[in-house]
Amino acid sequence: MNRLALAIVPLLAFSALARMDDALKKSTPITKELEGEWLVDKGDMHLVLKLANDADGVGGGVLVAPEENNAEVPVTRIVQTGSTVLIEITPRIEVTFEGEMNKGGTQISGTWTMHSRPFSITLVKRAGN
């Protein structure tokens, strides 16, 4: 094998791994139970998380800050596996939420991490959603 081939093989392998990593970071479709508006109330933090599948059937949403003139920050990635939910809102505010939805689909309890500071929180589905 010549030197050029020896140099290219690792680059091709790295490129393939990078594409696989990007595929793993994409949103997945979410269930009807997860679609809707979720209230985030923790101390002085009051937010609304709006989640839905887009036209392509892939989960997405926005985080709304009512106390900040209803400023909206798009959800970067949402992955639902059964009752487990992962939501990422990066890089703008560096938020990750990982939690478990209850059987009734009315609450998601988990860990909200903002700028590397985790705390326990329960998202509550807004009535009528």
C-alpha atoms as a PDB file:
ATOM      1  CA  MET A   1       0.000   0.000   0.000  1.00  0.00           C
ATOM      2  CA  ASN A   2       1.472   3.381  -0.890  1.00  0.00           C
ATOM      3  CA  ARG A   3       1.762   6.385   1.426  1.00  0.00           C
ATOM      4  CA  LEU A   4      -1.171   8.234  -0.127  1.00  0.00           C
ATOM      5  CA  ALA A   5      -3.472   5.277   0.413  1.00  0.00           C
ATOM      6  CA  LEU A   6      -2.276   4.958   4.013  1.00  0.00           C
ATOM      7  CA  ALA A   7      -3.131   8.618   4.580  1.00  0.00           C
ATOM      8  CA  ILE A   8      -6.574   8.455   2.914  1.00  0.00           C
ATOM      9  CA  VAL A   9      -7.910   5.331   4.664  1.00  0.00           C
ATOM     10  CA  PRO A  10      -8.030   6.945   8.152  1.00  0.00           C
ATOM     11  CA  LEU A  11      -9.659  10.075   6.675  1.00  0.00           C
ATOM     12  CA  LEU A  12     -12.385   8.000   5.022  1.00  0.00           C
ATOM     13  CA  ALA A  13     -12.998   6.107   8.244  1.00  0.00           C
ATOM     14  CA  PHE A  14     -13.216   9.387  10.201  1.00  0.00           C
ATOM     15  CA  SER A  15     -15.620  10.829   7.617  1.00  0.00           C
ATOM     16  CA  ALA A  16     -17.890   7.778   7.882  1.00  0.00           C
ATOM     17  CA  LEU A  17     -17.894   8.008  11.692  1.00  0.00           C
ATOM     18  CA  ALA A  18     -18.709  11.728  11.536  1.00  0.00           C
ATOM     19  CA  ARG A  19     -21.709  11.017   9.254  1.00  0.00           C
ATOM     20  CA  MET A  20     -22.924   8.283  11.642  1.00  0.00           C
ATOM     21  CA  ASP A  21     -22.552  10.678  14.593  1.00  0.00           C
ATOM     22  CA  ASP A  22     -24.587  13.351  12.748  1.00  0.00           C
ATOM     23  CA  ALA A  23     -27.319  10.786  12.004  1.00  0.00           C
ATOM     24  CA  LEU A  24     -27.497   9.878  15.678  1.00  0.00           C
ATOM     25  CA  LYS A  25     -27.952  13.554  16.598  1.00  0.00           C
ATOM     26  CA  LYS A  26     -31.124  14.024  14.556  1.00  0.00           C
ATOM     27  CA  SER A  27     -34.579  14.344  16.021  1.00  0.00           C
ATOM     28  CA  THR A  28     -36.987  11.435  15.950  1.00  0.00           C
ATOM     29  CA  PRO A  29     -40.767  11.406  15.523  1.00  0.00           C
ATOM     30  CA  ILE A  30     -42.625  11.968  18.793  1.00  0.00           C
ATOM     31  CA  THR A  31     -45.891  10.439  19.995  1.00  0.00           C
ATOM     32  CA  LYS A  32     -49.182  12.329  20.203  1.00  0.00           C
ATOM     33  CA  GLU A  33     -48.819  12.217  24.004  1.00  0.00           C
ATOM     34  CA  LEU A  34     -45.618  14.272  23.780  1.00  0.00           C
ATOM     35  CA  GLU A  35     -47.052  16.813  21.330  1.00  0.00           C
ATOM     36  CA  GLY A  36     -48.441  19.977  22.908  1.00  0.00           C
ATOM     37  CA  GLU A  37     -47.418  22.626  25.406  1.00  0.00           C
ATOM     38  CA  TRP A  38     -45.439  21.772  28.533  1.00  0.00           C
ATOM     39  CA  LEU A  39     -45.022  24.176  31.451  1.00  0.00           C
ATOM     40  CA  VAL A  40     -41.585  24.597  32.992  1.00  0.00           C
ATOM     41  CA  ASP A  41     -41.895  26.149  36.467  1.00  0.00           C
ATOM     42  CA  LYS A  42     -38.919  26.032  38.800  1.00  0.00           C
ATOM     43  CA  GLY A  43     -38.400  28.869  41.251  1.00  0.00           C
ATOM     44  CA  ASP A  44     -38.179  32.060  39.220  1.00  0.00           C
ATOM     45  CA  MET A  45     -37.980  30.185  35.883  1.00  0.00           C
ATOM     46  CA  HIS A  46     -41.304  30.102  34.011  1.00  0.00           C
ATOM     47  CA  LEU A  47     -41.165  28.741  30.466  1.00  0.00           C
ATOM     48  CA  VAL A  48     -43.392  27.000  27.933  1.00  0.00           C
ATOM     49  CA  LEU A  49     -42.032  24.166  25.795  1.00  0.00           C
ATOM     50  CA  LYS A  50     -44.092  23.657  22.612  1.00  0.00           C
ATOM     51  CA  LEU A  51     -43.486  20.291  20.919  1.00  0.00           C
ATOM     52  CA  ALA A  52     -44.885  18.797  17.702  1.00  0.00           C
ATOM     53  CA  ASN A  53     -43.948  16.708  14.689  1.00  0.00           C
ATOM     54  CA  ASP A  54     -43.157  18.750  11.595  1.00  0.00           C
ATOM     55  CA  ALA A  55     -44.509  18.090   8.095  1.00  0.00           C
ATOM     56  CA  ASP A  56     -41.880  15.365   7.627  1.00  0.00           C
ATOM     57  CA  GLY A  57     -43.016  13.622  10.816  1.00  0.00           C
ATOM     58  CA  VAL A  58     -39.909  14.590  12.807  1.00  0.00           C
ATOM     59  CA  GLY A  59     -40.153  16.004  16.334  1.00  0.00           C
ATOM     60  CA  GLY A  60     -39.312  19.638  16.967  1.00  0.00           C
ATOM     61  CA  GLY A  61     -40.435  22.660  18.884  1.00  0.00           C
ATOM     62  CA  VAL A  62     -39.640  25.918  20.605  1.00  0.00           C
ATOM     63  CA  LEU A  63     -38.962  27.087  24.140  1.00  0.00           C
ATOM     64  CA  VAL A  64     -40.964  30.242  24.918  1.00  0.00           C
ATOM     65  CA  ALA A  65     -40.051  32.693  27.684  1.00  0.00           C
ATOM     66  CA  PRO A  66     -43.262  34.602  28.590  1.00  0.00           C
ATOM     67  CA  GLU A  67     -41.351  36.921  30.940  1.00  0.00           C
ATOM     68  CA  GLU A  68     -38.980  37.842  28.072  1.00  0.00           C
ATOM     69  CA  ASN A  69     -41.659  39.193  25.689  1.00  0.00           C
ATOM     70  CA  ASN A  70     -42.439  35.631  24.589  1.00  0.00           C
ATOM     71  CA  ALA A  71     -38.961  35.172  23.128  1.00  0.00           C
ATOM     72  CA  GLU A  72     -38.706  31.831  21.311  1.00  0.00           C
ATOM     73  CA  VAL A  73     -35.649  29.573  21.085  1.00  0.00           C
ATOM     74  CA  PRO A  74     -35.886  26.579  18.723  1.00  0.00           C
ATOM     75  CA  VAL A  75     -35.414  23.046  20.005  1.00  0.00           C
ATOM     76  CA  THR A  76     -32.245  21.685  18.396  1.00  0.00           C
ATOM     77  CA  ARG A  77     -33.052  18.011  18.875  1.00  0.00           C
ATOM     78  CA  ILE A  78     -35.741  15.868  20.447  1.00  0.00           C
ATOM     79  CA  VAL A  79     -35.550  12.101  20.772  1.00  0.00           C
ATOM     80  CA  GLN A  80     -38.297   9.943  22.234  1.00  0.00           C
ATOM     81  CA  THR A  81     -37.726   6.283  23.000  1.00  0.00           C
ATOM     82  CA  GLY A  82     -40.807   4.865  24.681  1.00  0.00           C
ATOM     83  CA  SER A  83     -41.427   7.029  27.742  1.00  0.00           C
ATOM     84  CA  THR A  84     -37.874   8.423  27.757  1.00  0.00           C
ATOM     85  CA  VAL A  85     -37.496  11.933  26.340  1.00  0.00           C
ATOM     86  CA  LEU A  86     -34.315  13.845  25.448  1.00  0.00           C
ATOM     87  CA  ILE A  87     -34.553  17.512  24.455  1.00  0.00           C
ATOM     88  CA  GLU A  88     -31.613  19.713  23.473  1.00  0.00           C
ATOM     89  CA  ILE A  89     -31.673  23.462  22.977  1.00  0.00           C
ATOM     90  CA  THR A  90     -28.181  24.466  21.912  1.00  0.00           C
ATOM     91  CA  PRO A  91     -25.951  26.339  21.294  1.00  0.00           C
ATOM     92  CA  ARG A  92     -27.836  29.530  22.121  1.00  0.00           C
ATOM     93  CA  ILE A  93     -28.801  28.689  25.711  1.00  0.00           C
ATOM     94  CA  GLU A  94     -27.117  25.303  26.304  1.00  0.00           C
ATOM     95  CA  VAL A  95     -30.102  23.384  27.710  1.00  0.00           C
ATOM     96  CA  THR A  96     -30.530  19.626  27.857  1.00  0.00           C
ATOM     97  CA  PHE A  97     -33.515  17.879  29.416  1.00  0.00           C
ATOM     98  CA  GLU A  98     -33.709  14.133  29.970  1.00  0.00           C
ATOM     99  CA  GLY A  99     -36.777  12.642  31.572  1.00  0.00           C
ATOM    100  CA  GLU A 100     -39.461   9.974  31.802  1.00  0.00           C
ATOM    101  CA  MET A 101     -43.078  10.618  30.828  1.00  0.00           C
ATOM    102  CA  ASN A 102     -45.690   9.248  33.220  1.00  0.00           C
ATOM    103  CA  LYS A 103     -48.249   6.682  32.007  1.00  0.00           C
ATOM    104  CA  GLY A 104     -50.971   9.326  31.711  1.00  0.00           C
ATOM    105  CA  GLY A 105     -48.814  11.506  29.440  1.00  0.00           C
ATOM    106  CA  THR A 106     -49.332  14.522  31.711  1.00  0.00           C
ATOM    107  CA  GLN A 107     -45.884  14.909  33.296  1.00  0.00           C
ATOM    108  CA  ILE A 108     -42.245  14.367  32.412  1.00  0.00           C
ATOM    109  CA  SER A 109     -39.869  14.139  35.369  1.00  0.00           C
ATOM    110  CA  GLY A 110     -36.156  14.431  34.824  1.00  0.00           C
ATOM    111  CA  THR A 111     -33.008  16.525  34.827  1.00  0.00           C
ATOM    112  CA  TRP A 112     -32.826  19.994  33.259  1.00  0.00           C
ATOM    113  CA  THR A 113     -29.216  20.986  32.649  1.00  0.00           C
ATOM    114  CA  MET A 114     -28.450  24.589  31.752  1.00  0.00           C
ATOM    115  CA  HIS A 115     -24.848  25.702  31.204  1.00  0.00           C
ATOM    116  CA  SER A 116     -23.619  22.477  32.875  1.00  0.00           C
ATOM    117  CA  ARG A 117     -25.792  23.027  35.989  1.00  0.00           C
ATOM    118  CA  PRO A 118     -28.272  20.175  36.464  1.00  0.00           C
ATOM    119  CA  PHE A 119     -31.439  20.256  38.563  1.00  0.00           C
ATOM    120  CA  SER A 120     -34.518  18.078  38.916  1.00  0.00           C
ATOM    121  CA  ILE A 121     -37.683  19.322  37.299  1.00  0.00           C
ATOM    122  CA  THR A 122     -41.105  18.077  36.265  1.00  0.00           C
ATOM    123  CA  LEU A 123     -42.660  19.352  33.063  1.00  0.00           C
ATOM    124  CA  VAL A 124     -46.455  19.524  33.297  1.00  0.00           C
ATOM    125  CA  LYS A 125     -48.625  19.323  30.191  1.00  0.00           C
ATOM    126  CA  ARG A 126     -50.849  22.366  29.791  1.00  0.00           C
ATOM    127  CA  ALA A 127     -54.529  21.489  30.147  1.00  0.00           C
ATOM    128  CA  GLY A 128     -56.355  21.118  26.839  1.00  0.00           C
ATOM    129  CA  ASN A 129     -53.279  19.970  24.907  1.00  0.00           C
END
